[in-house]
Amino acid sequence: MTTLLLIINLFVTIALIGVILIQRSEGGGLGIGSSQGMGSFMTGRGTATLLTRATAALAGVFMVLCLLLAVLNKGASTNSGGKDILAQPPATENSAPANTTQH
């Protein structure tokens, strides 16, 4: 299940990057998409609305997938005896302080 969600998340991420890169730039960035390059498919305003909605939808799907993956990963680590990375490592009998000197 997690692998499938990761693959879907990868595709959503690639699509989100693509949609962002083809948007018209206000500040002189990449701005690949423009009304002249799109032909007579849509007007400039219609393209901007479509790309804005597509960006918002893809961003929402991306956030939901990330949250779902985090919840599934937390549940998997709890059930399989996962360890807290901030917890102190258990002390072993053979471990001695490194800064002791013998005279």
Protein backbone atom coordinates (compact mmCIF):
# COMPACT_ATOMS: atom_id res chain seq x y z
CA MET A 1 0.00 0.00 0.00
CA THR A 2 2.78 2.41 0.93
CA THR A 3 4.68 1.66 -2.26
CA LEU A 4 1.62 2.41 -4.38
CA LEU A 5 1.05 5.70 -2.55
CA LEU A 6 4.71 6.64 -3.01
CA ILE A 7 4.48 6.03 -6.76
CA ILE A 8 1.28 8.08 -7.00
CA ASN A 9 2.96 10.82 -4.95
CA LEU A 10 5.92 10.82 -7.33
CA PHE A 11 3.62 11.26 -10.36
CA VAL A 12 1.68 14.04 -8.61
CA THR A 13 4.97 15.76 -7.75
CA ILE A 14 6.19 15.62 -11.35
CA ALA A 15 2.84 16.91 -12.62
CA LEU A 16 2.88 19.73 -10.05
CA ILE A 17 6.38 20.78 -11.10
CA GLY A 18 5.32 20.76 -14.75
CA VAL A 19 2.17 22.80 -14.15
CA ILE A 20 4.10 25.37 -12.13
CA LEU A 21 6.79 25.71 -14.79
CA ILE A 22 4.36 26.34 -17.66
CA GLN A 23 2.51 29.14 -15.86
CA ARG A 24 3.04 32.67 -17.04
CA SER A 25 5.53 34.40 -14.83
CA GLU A 26 4.79 37.80 -13.34
CA GLY A 27 8.38 38.49 -12.34
CA GLY A 28 10.35 37.28 -15.35
CA GLY A 29 10.97 33.68 -14.27
CA LEU A 30 10.65 30.72 -16.63
CA GLY A 31 7.11 31.50 -17.74
CA ILE A 32 7.10 28.98 -20.57
CA GLY A 33 3.36 29.08 -21.14
CA SER A 34 1.85 32.05 -22.89
CA SER A 35 -1.25 32.65 -24.96
CA GLN A 36 0.79 32.83 -28.17
CA GLY A 37 2.45 29.48 -27.56
CA MET A 38 -0.81 27.76 -26.70
CA GLY A 39 -2.36 28.50 -30.07
CA SER A 40 -6.06 29.23 -30.20
CA PHE A 41 -6.91 26.59 -27.61
CA MET A 42 -7.70 29.01 -24.81
CA THR A 43 -7.31 32.68 -24.10
CA GLY A 44 -4.57 33.93 -21.79
CA ARG A 45 -7.02 34.45 -18.95
CA GLY A 46 -8.62 31.02 -19.42
CA THR A 47 -5.21 29.38 -19.43
CA ALA A 48 -4.23 31.15 -16.23
CA THR A 49 -7.44 30.05 -14.54
CA LEU A 50 -6.99 26.45 -15.68
CA LEU A 51 -3.36 26.33 -14.56
CA THR A 52 -4.16 27.98 -11.24
CA ARG A 53 -6.90 25.46 -10.52
CA ALA A 54 -4.70 22.57 -11.64
CA THR A 55 -1.92 23.80 -9.35
CA ALA A 56 -4.30 24.09 -6.41
CA ALA A 57 -5.77 20.63 -7.03
CA LEU A 58 -2.38 18.98 -7.43
CA ALA A 59 -1.05 20.73 -4.33
CA GLY A 60 -4.04 19.52 -2.33
CA VAL A 61 -3.60 15.95 -3.54
CA PHE A 62 0.13 16.16 -2.78
CA MET A 63 -0.50 17.33 0.80
CA VAL A 64 -3.13 14.66 1.44
CA LEU A 65 -0.83 11.94 0.07
CA CYS A 66 2.05 13.15 2.22
CA LEU A 67 -0.11 13.17 5.34
CA LEU A 68 -1.48 9.73 4.53
CA LEU A 69 2.03 8.37 4.00
CA ALA A 70 3.17 9.87 7.30
CA VAL A 71 0.24 8.30 9.18
CA LEU A 72 0.80 4.92 7.53
CA ASN A 73 4.53 5.07 8.27
CA LYS A 74 3.91 5.96 11.91
CA GLY A 75 1.47 3.06 12.26
CA ALA A 76 3.91 0.64 10.60
CA SER A 77 6.80 1.69 12.83
CA THR A 78 4.65 1.38 15.98
CA ASN A 79 3.42 -2.10 15.09
CA SER A 80 6.86 -3.42 14.11
CA GLY A 81 8.58 -2.19 17.23
CA GLY A 82 10.01 0.96 15.68
CA LYS A 83 12.35 3.07 17.75
CA ASP A 84 12.31 6.76 18.49
CA ILE A 85 15.32 8.42 16.87
CA LEU A 86 15.54 10.92 19.71
CA ALA A 87 15.63 8.25 22.43
CA GLN A 88 18.91 7.47 24.15
CA PRO A 89 20.63 4.33 22.86
CA PRO A 90 20.68 1.50 25.38
CA ALA A 91 23.88 1.23 27.38
CA THR A 92 25.88 -1.96 26.88
CA GLU A 93 28.18 -3.67 29.35
CA ASN A 94 31.25 -3.28 27.14
CA SER A 95 30.88 0.45 26.65
CA ALA A 96 33.30 2.44 28.75
CA PRO A 97 33.77 6.19 28.82
CA ALA A 98 36.23 7.24 26.12
CA ASN A 99 38.00 9.92 28.14
CA THR A 100 39.26 7.80 31.05
CA THR A 101 42.97 7.45 31.52
CA GLN A 102 44.81 4.85 33.53
CA HIS A 103 47.94 5.61 35.54
